[in-house]
């Protein structure tokens, strides 16, 4: 196969500069009317979408820095001490975490009953349908986590599921309209927690 020689201008479309990329919460507030505080209450403090498929929909593909191949989304999450998302699952995609800076506690299980610590350059891959969350443990004031989401392109929309009580708490604090806007992004509050049914 013959190689190609992209121009610098063409390659510039494939470069994301950390100094210029905007966190998702700012885009949600500006474009969707979702207060930053509402997103911070259920998601990582600042999520930077570096790459996503062109055809993606939902929260995993809102204006990526680089349009990539179907089936892969690349994010960097920056979290202050103690911050991270609520327990959630991905129904049809694989989510992989790699600690870039600081230290993260990764929890999993319907109640977050299991956990491990990730130090810099440690990685964990969480299979579909497993509730998971992460938090900056405080080793550094701000910790950075690389988050890769992989799956079939058609499976990436409406793939994030939180427990019903997370949605109820969001609506109580920010209103039903904010919850509906978050749901319109593809984030759902209907995870069926299997271990609670067996208990």
N, C-alpha and C. Protein backbone atom coordinates (compact mmCIF):
# COMPACT_ATOMS: atom_id res chain seq x y z
N UNK A 1 0.84 -1.17 0.00
CA UNK A 1 0.00 0.00 0.00
C UNK A 1 0.89 1.24 0.00
N UNK A 2 0.52 2.20 -0.78
CA UNK A 2 1.29 3.43 -0.91
C UNK A 2 1.07 4.33 0.29
N UNK A 3 2.15 4.91 0.79
CA UNK A 3 2.03 5.84 1.92
C UNK A 3 1.50 7.18 1.43
N UNK A 4 1.05 7.98 2.39
CA UNK A 4 0.59 9.33 2.07
C UNK A 4 1.45 10.33 2.85
N UNK A 5 1.42 11.58 2.43
CA UNK A 5 2.21 12.64 3.07
C UNK A 5 1.32 13.82 3.40
N UNK A 6 0.63 13.77 4.56
CA UNK A 6 -0.24 14.89 4.92
C UNK A 6 0.56 16.17 5.12
N UNK A 7 -0.06 17.29 4.78
CA UNK A 7 0.58 18.58 4.99
C UNK A 7 0.51 18.93 6.48
N UNK A 8 1.32 19.88 6.93
CA UNK A 8 1.20 20.33 8.32
C UNK A 8 -0.22 20.83 8.64
N UNK A 9 -0.88 21.49 7.70
CA UNK A 9 -2.25 21.97 7.92
C UNK A 9 -3.20 20.79 8.14
N UNK A 10 -3.03 19.73 7.36
CA UNK A 10 -3.88 18.54 7.53
C UNK A 10 -3.61 17.87 8.88
N UNK A 11 -2.36 17.81 9.27
CA UNK A 11 -2.03 17.18 10.56
C UNK A 11 -2.48 18.03 11.74
N UNK A 12 -2.56 19.35 11.57
CA UNK A 12 -3.04 20.21 12.65
C UNK A 12 -4.46 19.84 13.08
N UNK A 13 -5.26 19.29 12.18
CA UNK A 13 -6.61 18.85 12.51
C UNK A 13 -6.59 17.60 13.39
N UNK A 14 -5.44 16.99 13.53
CA UNK A 14 -5.31 15.76 14.30
C UNK A 14 -4.49 15.97 15.58
N UNK A 15 -4.31 17.23 15.96
CA UNK A 15 -3.55 17.58 17.16
C UNK A 15 -4.49 18.22 18.18
N UNK A 16 -4.39 17.78 19.42
CA UNK A 16 -5.14 18.40 20.51
C UNK A 16 -4.12 19.01 21.46
N UNK A 17 -4.24 20.30 21.72
CA UNK A 17 -3.35 20.99 22.65
C UNK A 17 -4.02 21.08 24.02
N UNK A 18 -3.34 20.56 25.02
CA UNK A 18 -3.89 20.53 26.38
C UNK A 18 -4.24 21.93 26.88
N UNK A 19 -3.52 22.94 26.43
CA UNK A 19 -3.76 24.30 26.91
C UNK A 19 -5.03 24.91 26.33
N UNK A 20 -5.54 24.34 25.24
CA UNK A 20 -6.70 24.96 24.59
C UNK A 20 -7.98 24.12 24.67
N UNK A 21 -7.89 22.86 25.01
CA UNK A 21 -9.09 22.02 25.04
C UNK A 21 -9.98 22.42 26.22
N UNK A 22 -11.27 22.47 25.98
CA UNK A 22 -12.24 22.86 27.00
C UNK A 22 -12.83 21.62 27.66
N UNK A 23 -13.05 21.65 28.98
CA UNK A 23 -13.70 20.52 29.62
C UNK A 23 -15.16 20.42 29.17
N UNK A 24 -15.67 19.20 29.18
CA UNK A 24 -17.05 18.97 28.74
C UNK A 24 -18.05 19.81 29.51
N UNK A 25 -17.84 19.99 30.81
CA UNK A 25 -18.84 20.69 31.62
C UNK A 25 -19.07 22.12 31.11
N UNK A 26 -18.03 22.76 30.59
CA UNK A 26 -18.21 24.11 30.05
C UNK A 26 -19.07 24.06 28.78
N UNK A 27 -18.86 23.04 27.96
CA UNK A 27 -19.67 22.90 26.74
C UNK A 27 -21.11 22.56 27.09
N UNK A 28 -21.31 21.72 28.11
CA UNK A 28 -22.67 21.37 28.51
C UNK A 28 -23.39 22.60 29.06
N UNK A 29 -22.68 23.43 29.84
CA UNK A 29 -23.30 24.63 30.41
C UNK A 29 -23.63 25.63 29.31
N UNK A 30 -22.70 25.82 28.37
CA UNK A 30 -22.91 26.81 27.32
C UNK A 30 -23.96 26.35 26.31
N UNK A 31 -23.89 25.09 25.89
CA UNK A 31 -24.75 24.63 24.82
C UNK A 31 -26.01 23.92 25.26
N UNK A 32 -25.98 23.33 26.45
CA UNK A 32 -27.12 22.52 26.85
C UNK A 32 -27.86 23.02 28.06
N UNK A 33 -27.38 24.11 28.67
CA UNK A 33 -28.06 24.64 29.83
C UNK A 33 -27.94 23.78 31.07
N UNK A 34 -26.89 22.95 31.15
CA UNK A 34 -26.67 22.11 32.33
C UNK A 34 -25.62 22.79 33.19
N UNK A 35 -25.97 23.19 34.41
CA UNK A 35 -24.98 23.85 35.26
C UNK A 35 -23.76 22.96 35.51
N UNK A 36 -22.59 23.58 35.54
CA UNK A 36 -21.35 22.83 35.81
C UNK A 36 -21.45 22.05 37.11
N UNK A 37 -22.08 22.66 38.12
CA UNK A 37 -22.20 22.00 39.42
C UNK A 37 -23.01 20.71 39.32
N UNK A 38 -23.99 20.68 38.43
CA UNK A 38 -24.80 19.46 38.26
C UNK A 38 -23.95 18.35 37.68
N UNK A 39 -23.14 18.67 36.66
CA UNK A 39 -22.29 17.64 36.07
C UNK A 39 -21.24 17.18 37.06
N UNK A 40 -20.66 18.11 37.83
CA UNK A 40 -19.65 17.75 38.82
C UNK A 40 -20.22 16.85 39.91
N UNK A 41 -21.54 16.93 40.16
CA UNK A 41 -22.13 16.12 41.22
C UNK A 41 -22.23 14.65 40.84
N UNK A 42 -22.17 14.33 39.54
CA UNK A 42 -22.28 12.93 39.12
C UNK A 42 -21.10 12.46 38.29
N UNK A 43 -20.30 13.38 37.76
CA UNK A 43 -19.19 13.02 36.86
C UNK A 43 -17.88 13.58 37.39
N UNK A 44 -16.80 13.26 36.72
CA UNK A 44 -15.50 13.81 37.09
C UNK A 44 -15.54 15.33 36.98
N UNK A 45 -14.74 16.02 37.78
CA UNK A 45 -14.74 17.48 37.82
C UNK A 45 -14.54 18.07 36.42
N UNK A 46 -13.50 17.67 35.73
CA UNK A 46 -13.22 18.18 34.39
C UNK A 46 -12.87 17.02 33.48
N UNK A 47 -13.71 16.81 32.46
CA UNK A 47 -13.49 15.74 31.49
C UNK A 47 -13.12 16.40 30.17
N UNK A 48 -11.97 16.04 29.65
CA UNK A 48 -11.48 16.59 28.39
C UNK A 48 -11.57 15.51 27.32
N UNK A 49 -12.39 15.75 26.32
CA UNK A 49 -12.60 14.78 25.24
C UNK A 49 -11.55 15.01 24.15
N UNK A 50 -10.55 14.16 24.13
CA UNK A 50 -9.48 14.30 23.16
C UNK A 50 -9.84 13.71 21.80
N UNK A 51 -10.51 12.56 21.81
CA UNK A 51 -10.82 11.92 20.54
C UNK A 51 -12.09 11.11 20.66
N UNK A 52 -12.92 11.14 19.61
CA UNK A 52 -14.14 10.34 19.57
C UNK A 52 -14.51 10.12 18.11
N UNK A 53 -15.34 9.11 17.84
CA UNK A 53 -15.79 8.89 16.46
C UNK A 53 -16.62 10.07 15.96
N UNK A 54 -16.57 10.28 14.67
CA UNK A 54 -17.34 11.36 14.06
C UNK A 54 -18.84 11.15 14.19
N UNK A 55 -19.26 9.90 14.14
CA UNK A 55 -20.68 9.59 14.12
C UNK A 55 -21.25 9.34 15.50
N UNK A 56 -20.46 9.52 16.55
CA UNK A 56 -20.94 9.24 17.89
C UNK A 56 -22.00 10.23 18.34
N UNK A 57 -22.80 9.79 19.29
CA UNK A 57 -23.81 10.67 19.88
C UNK A 57 -23.72 10.54 21.38
N UNK A 58 -24.36 11.45 22.08
CA UNK A 58 -24.39 11.38 23.52
C UNK A 58 -23.18 12.04 24.15
N UNK A 59 -23.04 11.84 25.44
CA UNK A 59 -22.02 12.53 26.22
C UNK A 59 -20.61 12.08 25.88
N UNK A 60 -20.45 10.92 25.26
CA UNK A 60 -19.10 10.43 24.97
C UNK A 60 -18.51 11.04 23.72
N UNK A 61 -19.26 11.84 22.98
CA UNK A 61 -18.71 12.36 21.73
C UNK A 61 -19.11 13.81 21.46
N UNK A 62 -19.19 14.61 22.48
CA UNK A 62 -19.55 16.01 22.31
C UNK A 62 -18.34 16.82 21.87
N UNK A 63 -18.23 17.15 20.59
CA UNK A 63 -17.17 18.00 20.05
C UNK A 63 -15.77 17.53 20.41
N UNK A 64 -15.35 16.38 19.91
CA UNK A 64 -14.00 15.89 20.26
C UNK A 64 -12.91 16.78 19.67
N UNK A 65 -11.73 16.75 20.32
CA UNK A 65 -10.58 17.47 19.79
C UNK A 65 -10.15 16.91 18.45
N UNK A 66 -10.16 15.59 18.32
CA UNK A 66 -9.81 14.90 17.08
C UNK A 66 -10.90 13.89 16.78
N UNK A 67 -11.32 13.85 15.53
CA UNK A 67 -12.27 12.82 15.10
C UNK A 67 -11.46 11.57 14.80
N UNK A 68 -11.79 10.49 15.49
CA UNK A 68 -11.03 9.25 15.35
C UNK A 68 -11.83 8.14 14.72
N UNK A 69 -11.38 6.91 14.93
CA UNK A 69 -12.03 5.74 14.39
C UNK A 69 -13.28 5.39 15.19
N UNK A 70 -14.25 4.77 14.54
CA UNK A 70 -15.43 4.30 15.28
C UNK A 70 -15.03 3.33 16.37
N UNK A 71 -15.69 3.45 17.51
CA UNK A 71 -15.48 2.48 18.58
C UNK A 71 -14.44 2.84 19.61
N UNK A 72 -13.87 4.06 19.55
CA UNK A 72 -12.87 4.46 20.55
C UNK A 72 -13.08 5.91 20.93
N UNK A 73 -13.18 6.15 22.23
CA UNK A 73 -13.25 7.51 22.77
C UNK A 73 -12.10 7.66 23.77
N UNK A 74 -11.38 8.78 23.68
CA UNK A 74 -10.24 9.06 24.55
C UNK A 74 -10.53 10.33 25.35
N UNK A 75 -10.54 10.20 26.68
CA UNK A 75 -10.77 11.32 27.58
C UNK A 75 -9.63 11.42 28.58
N UNK A 76 -9.41 12.62 29.11
CA UNK A 76 -8.57 12.81 30.28
C UNK A 76 -9.44 13.49 31.32
N UNK A 77 -9.51 12.90 32.51
CA UNK A 77 -10.27 13.47 33.62
C UNK A 77 -9.29 14.09 34.60
N UNK A 78 -9.60 15.31 35.01
CA UNK A 78 -8.81 16.01 36.03
C UNK A 78 -9.71 16.19 37.24
N UNK A 79 -9.24 15.70 38.38
CA UNK A 79 -10.07 15.71 39.59
C UNK A 79 -9.31 16.31 40.76
N UNK A 80 -9.93 17.25 41.50
CA UNK A 80 -9.32 17.71 42.74
C UNK A 80 -9.43 16.61 43.80
N UNK A 81 -8.82 16.81 44.93
CA UNK A 81 -8.80 15.81 46.00
C UNK A 81 -10.23 15.38 46.36
N UNK A 82 -10.43 14.05 46.39
CA UNK A 82 -11.70 13.48 46.81
C UNK A 82 -12.78 13.46 45.75
N UNK A 83 -12.53 14.02 44.57
CA UNK A 83 -13.58 14.14 43.57
C UNK A 83 -13.48 13.03 42.52
N UNK A 84 -14.62 12.69 41.96
CA UNK A 84 -14.74 11.71 40.89
C UNK A 84 -16.21 11.44 40.65
N UNK A 85 -16.54 10.60 39.68
CA UNK A 85 -17.94 10.36 39.35
C UNK A 85 -18.63 9.44 40.35
N UNK A 86 -19.95 9.49 40.35
CA UNK A 86 -20.76 8.52 41.10
C UNK A 86 -20.59 7.15 40.46
N UNK A 87 -20.95 6.12 41.20
CA UNK A 87 -20.97 4.77 40.63
C UNK A 87 -21.86 4.75 39.40
N UNK A 88 -21.37 4.16 38.34
CA UNK A 88 -22.11 4.04 37.09
C UNK A 88 -21.60 2.82 36.34
N UNK A 89 -22.32 2.40 35.34
CA UNK A 89 -21.85 1.29 34.50
C UNK A 89 -21.95 1.70 33.04
N UNK A 90 -21.24 0.97 32.22
CA UNK A 90 -21.35 1.09 30.77
C UNK A 90 -21.92 -0.23 30.30
N UNK A 91 -23.08 -0.18 29.68
CA UNK A 91 -23.82 -1.40 29.35
C UNK A 91 -23.15 -2.23 28.26
N UNK A 92 -22.53 -1.57 27.29
CA UNK A 92 -22.02 -2.32 26.14
C UNK A 92 -20.59 -1.95 25.75
N UNK A 93 -19.92 -1.16 26.57
CA UNK A 93 -18.56 -0.76 26.21
C UNK A 93 -17.59 -1.07 27.35
N UNK A 94 -16.34 -1.20 26.98
CA UNK A 94 -15.23 -1.48 27.90
C UNK A 94 -14.61 -0.15 28.27
N UNK A 95 -14.45 0.11 29.57
CA UNK A 95 -13.84 1.35 30.02
C UNK A 95 -12.51 1.01 30.71
N UNK A 96 -11.45 1.67 30.26
CA UNK A 96 -10.11 1.41 30.78
C UNK A 96 -9.56 2.71 31.37
N UNK A 97 -8.99 2.60 32.57
CA UNK A 97 -8.44 3.75 33.28
C UNK A 97 -6.93 3.58 33.43
N UNK A 98 -6.18 4.66 33.18
CA UNK A 98 -4.74 4.69 33.46
C UNK A 98 -4.44 5.99 34.19
N UNK A 99 -3.82 5.86 35.36
CA UNK A 99 -3.45 7.03 36.15
C UNK A 99 -2.26 7.72 35.50
N UNK A 100 -2.42 8.99 35.17
CA UNK A 100 -1.33 9.77 34.57
C UNK A 100 -0.59 10.61 35.60
N UNK A 101 -1.34 11.09 36.61
CA UNK A 101 -0.74 11.95 37.63
C UNK A 101 -1.49 11.74 38.93
N UNK A 102 -0.76 11.60 40.01
CA UNK A 102 -1.37 11.44 41.32
C UNK A 102 -1.71 9.99 41.60
N UNK A 103 -2.84 9.78 42.25
CA UNK A 103 -3.29 8.43 42.61
C UNK A 103 -4.82 8.43 42.61
N UNK A 104 -5.40 7.36 42.10
CA UNK A 104 -6.84 7.20 42.08
C UNK A 104 -7.25 5.93 42.79
N UNK A 105 -8.33 6.02 43.54
CA UNK A 105 -9.00 4.83 44.04
C UNK A 105 -10.06 4.48 43.01
N UNK A 106 -10.02 3.24 42.52
CA UNK A 106 -11.04 2.73 41.60
C UNK A 106 -11.92 1.80 42.41
N UNK A 107 -13.23 2.06 42.42
CA UNK A 107 -14.18 1.19 43.11
C UNK A 107 -15.07 0.52 42.09
N UNK A 108 -15.52 -0.68 42.43
CA UNK A 108 -16.47 -1.38 41.56
C UNK A 108 -17.37 -2.27 42.41
N UNK A 109 -18.43 -2.75 41.77
CA UNK A 109 -19.46 -3.52 42.46
C UNK A 109 -20.69 -2.64 42.63
N UNK A 110 -21.84 -3.25 42.79
CA UNK A 110 -23.09 -2.50 42.85
C UNK A 110 -23.09 -1.41 43.91
N UNK A 111 -22.38 -1.63 45.01
CA UNK A 111 -22.27 -0.64 46.07
C UNK A 111 -20.86 -0.09 46.21
N UNK A 112 -20.01 -0.34 45.22
CA UNK A 112 -18.62 0.11 45.30
C UNK A 112 -17.85 -0.60 46.38
N UNK A 113 -18.23 -1.85 46.65
CA UNK A 113 -17.67 -2.58 47.78
C UNK A 113 -16.24 -3.10 47.54
N UNK A 114 -15.77 -3.09 46.31
CA UNK A 114 -14.40 -3.52 46.00
C UNK A 114 -13.61 -2.32 45.53
N UNK A 115 -12.30 -2.33 45.78
CA UNK A 115 -11.50 -1.19 45.33
C UNK A 115 -10.03 -1.58 45.17
N UNK A 116 -9.34 -0.74 44.42
CA UNK A 116 -7.90 -0.84 44.27
C UNK A 116 -7.37 0.57 44.06
N UNK A 117 -6.08 0.76 44.32
CA UNK A 117 -5.44 2.04 44.07
C UNK A 117 -4.62 1.96 42.80
N UNK A 118 -4.72 3.01 41.99
CA UNK A 118 -3.87 3.13 40.81
C UNK A 118 -2.86 4.24 41.06
N UNK A 119 -1.60 3.89 41.01
CA UNK A 119 -0.53 4.88 41.05
C UNK A 119 -0.21 5.27 39.61
N UNK A 120 0.66 6.24 39.44
CA UNK A 120 0.99 6.71 38.10
C UNK A 120 1.44 5.57 37.20
N UNK A 121 0.83 5.52 36.02
CA UNK A 121 1.05 4.53 34.96
C UNK A 121 0.44 3.16 35.25
N UNK A 122 -0.31 3.02 36.35
CA UNK A 122 -1.09 1.80 36.59
C UNK A 122 -2.37 1.89 35.78
N UNK A 123 -2.93 0.73 35.42
CA UNK A 123 -4.11 0.69 34.57
C UNK A 123 -5.05 -0.42 35.03
N UNK A 124 -6.36 -0.19 34.86
CA UNK A 124 -7.38 -1.21 35.09
C UNK A 124 -8.41 -1.09 33.98
N UNK A 125 -8.91 -2.23 33.53
CA UNK A 125 -9.93 -2.28 32.49
C UNK A 125 -11.19 -2.89 33.09
N UNK A 126 -12.29 -2.14 33.04
CA UNK A 126 -13.55 -2.56 33.66
C UNK A 126 -14.51 -3.05 32.58
N UNK A 127 -14.97 -4.30 32.69
CA UNK A 127 -15.86 -4.83 31.66
C UNK A 127 -17.25 -4.20 31.71
N UNK A 128 -18.04 -4.40 30.65
CA UNK A 128 -19.40 -3.88 30.63
C UNK A 128 -20.23 -4.39 31.81
N UNK A 129 -21.25 -3.62 32.16
CA UNK A 129 -22.25 -3.97 33.18
C UNK A 129 -21.70 -4.08 34.59
N UNK A 130 -20.55 -3.50 34.87
CA UNK A 130 -19.98 -3.46 36.22
C UNK A 130 -20.07 -2.02 36.70
N UNK A 131 -20.71 -1.80 37.84
CA UNK A 131 -20.73 -0.45 38.42
C UNK A 131 -19.30 -0.09 38.80
N UNK A 132 -18.90 1.18 38.51
CA UNK A 132 -17.54 1.63 38.80
C UNK A 132 -17.53 3.11 39.11
N UNK A 133 -16.50 3.55 39.81
CA UNK A 133 -16.28 4.95 40.12
C UNK A 133 -14.80 5.15 40.40
N UNK A 134 -14.36 6.39 40.36
CA UNK A 134 -12.97 6.70 40.72
C UNK A 134 -12.92 8.01 41.49
N UNK A 135 -11.88 8.14 42.32
CA UNK A 135 -11.68 9.34 43.15
C UNK A 135 -10.18 9.63 43.26
N UNK A 136 -9.84 10.91 43.24
CA UNK A 136 -8.48 11.34 43.55
C UNK A 136 -8.26 11.14 45.04
N UNK A 137 -7.26 10.33 45.40
CA UNK A 137 -7.02 10.00 46.81
C UNK A 137 -6.34 11.12 47.59
N UNK A 138 -5.80 12.13 46.91
CA UNK A 138 -5.17 13.24 47.62
C UNK A 138 -3.66 13.20 47.62
N UNK A 139 -3.08 12.26 46.91
CA UNK A 139 -1.62 12.21 46.81
C UNK A 139 -1.09 13.51 46.17
N UNK A 140 -1.88 14.06 45.22
CA UNK A 140 -1.58 15.35 44.60
C UNK A 140 -2.87 16.18 44.63
N UNK A 141 -2.75 17.51 44.65
CA UNK A 141 -3.95 18.35 44.70
C UNK A 141 -4.89 18.12 43.51
N UNK A 142 -4.34 17.86 42.34
CA UNK A 142 -5.14 17.52 41.17
C UNK A 142 -4.54 16.26 40.56
N UNK A 143 -5.38 15.28 40.30
CA UNK A 143 -4.92 14.03 39.69
C UNK A 143 -5.52 13.91 38.29
N UNK A 144 -4.79 13.24 37.40
CA UNK A 144 -5.22 13.10 36.01
C UNK A 144 -5.36 11.61 35.68
N UNK A 145 -6.46 11.28 35.00
CA UNK A 145 -6.78 9.90 34.66
C UNK A 145 -7.10 9.81 33.17
N UNK A 146 -6.39 8.94 32.45
CA UNK A 146 -6.70 8.66 31.05
C UNK A 146 -7.85 7.66 31.04
N UNK A 147 -8.90 7.95 30.28
CA UNK A 147 -10.07 7.09 30.21
C UNK A 147 -10.34 6.74 28.75
N UNK A 148 -10.23 5.45 28.44
CA UNK A 148 -10.51 4.95 27.09
C UNK A 148 -11.82 4.18 27.12
N UNK A 149 -12.71 4.48 26.20
CA UNK A 149 -13.97 3.75 26.09
C UNK A 149 -13.99 3.09 24.72
N UNK A 150 -14.15 1.75 24.73
CA UNK A 150 -14.11 0.98 23.49
C UNK A 150 -15.38 0.16 23.32
N UNK A 151 -15.81 0.05 22.08
CA UNK A 151 -16.97 -0.77 21.77
C UNK A 151 -17.42 -0.51 20.35
N UNK A 152 -18.43 -1.22 19.94
CA UNK A 152 -19.00 -0.99 18.62
C UNK A 152 -19.59 0.42 18.59
N UNK A 153 -19.42 1.11 17.49
CA UNK A 153 -19.88 2.50 17.39
C UNK A 153 -21.36 2.64 17.75
N UNK A 154 -22.18 1.73 17.29
CA UNK A 154 -23.62 1.83 17.57
C UNK A 154 -23.94 1.59 19.04
N UNK A 155 -23.00 1.01 19.80
CA UNK A 155 -23.25 0.72 21.21
C UNK A 155 -22.82 1.85 22.14
N UNK A 156 -22.18 2.89 21.62
CA UNK A 156 -21.62 3.92 22.48
C UNK A 156 -22.66 4.95 22.93
N UNK A 157 -23.76 5.06 22.21
CA UNK A 157 -24.80 6.01 22.61
C UNK A 157 -25.62 5.43 23.75
N UNK A 158 -26.05 6.29 24.66
CA UNK A 158 -26.89 5.90 25.79
C UNK A 158 -26.33 4.69 26.53
N UNK A 159 -25.03 4.70 26.74
CA UNK A 159 -24.35 3.55 27.34
C UNK A 159 -24.07 3.74 28.83
N UNK A 160 -24.15 4.96 29.33
CA UNK A 160 -23.80 5.23 30.72
C UNK A 160 -25.06 5.13 31.59
N UNK A 161 -24.99 4.27 32.60
CA UNK A 161 -26.13 4.06 33.48
C UNK A 161 -25.73 4.31 34.93
N UNK A 162 -26.50 5.16 35.60
CA UNK A 162 -26.34 5.40 37.03
C UNK A 162 -27.48 4.71 37.76
N UNK A 163 -27.33 4.51 39.06
CA UNK A 163 -28.41 3.97 39.87
C UNK A 163 -29.56 4.98 39.92
N UNK A 164 -30.79 4.52 40.07
CA UNK A 164 -31.93 5.44 40.13
C UNK A 164 -31.78 6.53 41.19
N UNK A 165 -31.19 6.21 42.34
CA UNK A 165 -31.06 7.22 43.39
C UNK A 165 -30.15 8.38 42.99
N UNK A 166 -29.21 8.15 42.07
CA UNK A 166 -28.36 9.24 41.58
C UNK A 166 -29.21 10.24 40.80
N UNK A 167 -30.09 9.74 39.95
CA UNK A 167 -30.99 10.62 39.20
C UNK A 167 -31.94 11.39 40.10
N UNK A 168 -32.43 10.71 41.13
CA UNK A 168 -33.34 11.37 42.09
C UNK A 168 -32.62 12.49 42.83
N UNK A 169 -31.38 12.22 43.25
CA UNK A 169 -30.59 13.23 43.96
C UNK A 169 -30.30 14.43 43.04
N UNK A 170 -29.98 14.16 41.77
CA UNK A 170 -29.71 15.22 40.80
C UNK A 170 -30.95 16.09 40.61
N UNK A 171 -32.12 15.47 40.48
CA UNK A 171 -33.37 16.22 40.29
C UNK A 171 -33.72 17.04 41.53
N UNK A 172 -33.52 16.49 42.72
CA UNK A 172 -33.80 17.22 43.96
C UNK A 172 -32.94 18.48 44.07
N UNK A 173 -31.67 18.33 43.72
CA UNK A 173 -30.73 19.45 43.91
C UNK A 173 -30.80 20.48 42.78
N UNK A 174 -31.01 20.01 41.53
CA UNK A 174 -30.91 20.92 40.39
C UNK A 174 -32.21 21.04 39.58
N UNK A 175 -33.20 20.21 39.86
CA UNK A 175 -34.48 20.28 39.16
C UNK A 175 -34.65 19.19 38.12
N UNK A 176 -35.90 18.86 37.85
CA UNK A 176 -36.21 17.82 36.86
C UNK A 176 -35.72 18.20 35.47
N UNK A 177 -35.74 19.50 35.13
CA UNK A 177 -35.31 19.91 33.80
C UNK A 177 -33.83 19.62 33.57
N UNK A 178 -32.99 19.80 34.60
CA UNK A 178 -31.55 19.49 34.46
C UNK A 178 -31.37 17.99 34.30
N UNK A 179 -32.10 17.20 35.09
CA UNK A 179 -32.01 15.75 34.93
C UNK A 179 -32.37 15.35 33.50
N UNK A 180 -33.44 15.93 32.96
CA UNK A 180 -33.87 15.60 31.60
C UNK A 180 -32.81 15.99 30.57
N UNK A 181 -32.13 17.11 30.78
CA UNK A 181 -31.06 17.53 29.86
C UNK A 181 -29.88 16.57 29.92
N UNK A 182 -29.55 16.11 31.12
CA UNK A 182 -28.46 15.12 31.27
C UNK A 182 -28.86 13.82 30.58
N UNK A 183 -30.10 13.40 30.74
CA UNK A 183 -30.58 12.18 30.08
C UNK A 183 -30.57 12.34 28.56
N UNK A 184 -30.83 13.55 28.06
CA UNK A 184 -30.81 13.79 26.62
C UNK A 184 -29.41 13.60 26.04
N UNK A 185 -28.39 13.71 26.89
CA UNK A 185 -27.01 13.46 26.45
C UNK A 185 -26.70 11.98 26.35
N UNK A 186 -27.62 11.14 26.83
CA UNK A 186 -27.40 9.70 26.78
C UNK A 186 -27.05 9.08 28.12
N UNK A 187 -27.03 9.87 29.18
CA UNK A 187 -26.74 9.34 30.51
C UNK A 187 -28.06 8.96 31.15
N UNK A 188 -28.16 7.74 31.62
CA UNK A 188 -29.42 7.21 32.16
C UNK A 188 -29.29 6.95 33.66
N UNK A 189 -30.44 6.88 34.32
CA UNK A 189 -30.50 6.65 35.76
C UNK A 189 -31.37 5.43 36.04
N UNK A 190 -31.09 4.34 35.33
CA UNK A 190 -31.94 3.15 35.42
C UNK A 190 -31.14 1.86 35.54
N UNK A 191 -29.93 1.94 36.09
CA UNK A 191 -29.11 0.73 36.24
C UNK A 191 -29.83 -0.26 37.15
N UNK A 192 -29.94 -1.48 36.69
CA UNK A 192 -30.54 -2.55 37.50
C UNK A 192 -29.41 -3.22 38.26
N UNK A 193 -29.41 -3.04 39.55
CA UNK A 193 -28.32 -3.52 40.38
C UNK A 193 -28.56 -4.98 40.78
N UNK A 194 -27.84 -5.89 40.14
CA UNK A 194 -28.04 -7.31 40.31
C UNK A 194 -27.79 -7.82 41.72
N UNK A 195 -26.74 -7.34 42.38
CA UNK A 195 -26.42 -7.86 43.71
C UNK A 195 -27.46 -7.45 44.74
N UNK A 196 -28.12 -6.31 44.52
CA UNK A 196 -29.16 -5.87 45.45
C UNK A 196 -30.38 -6.79 45.33
N UNK A 197 -30.64 -7.27 44.12
CA UNK A 197 -31.77 -8.19 43.93
C UNK A 197 -31.49 -9.53 44.59
N UNK A 198 -30.23 -9.95 44.60
CA UNK A 198 -29.87 -11.27 45.17
C UNK A 198 -29.77 -11.23 46.68
N UNK A 199 -29.58 -10.01 47.24
CA UNK A 199 -29.38 -9.88 48.69
C UNK A 199 -30.62 -10.27 49.48
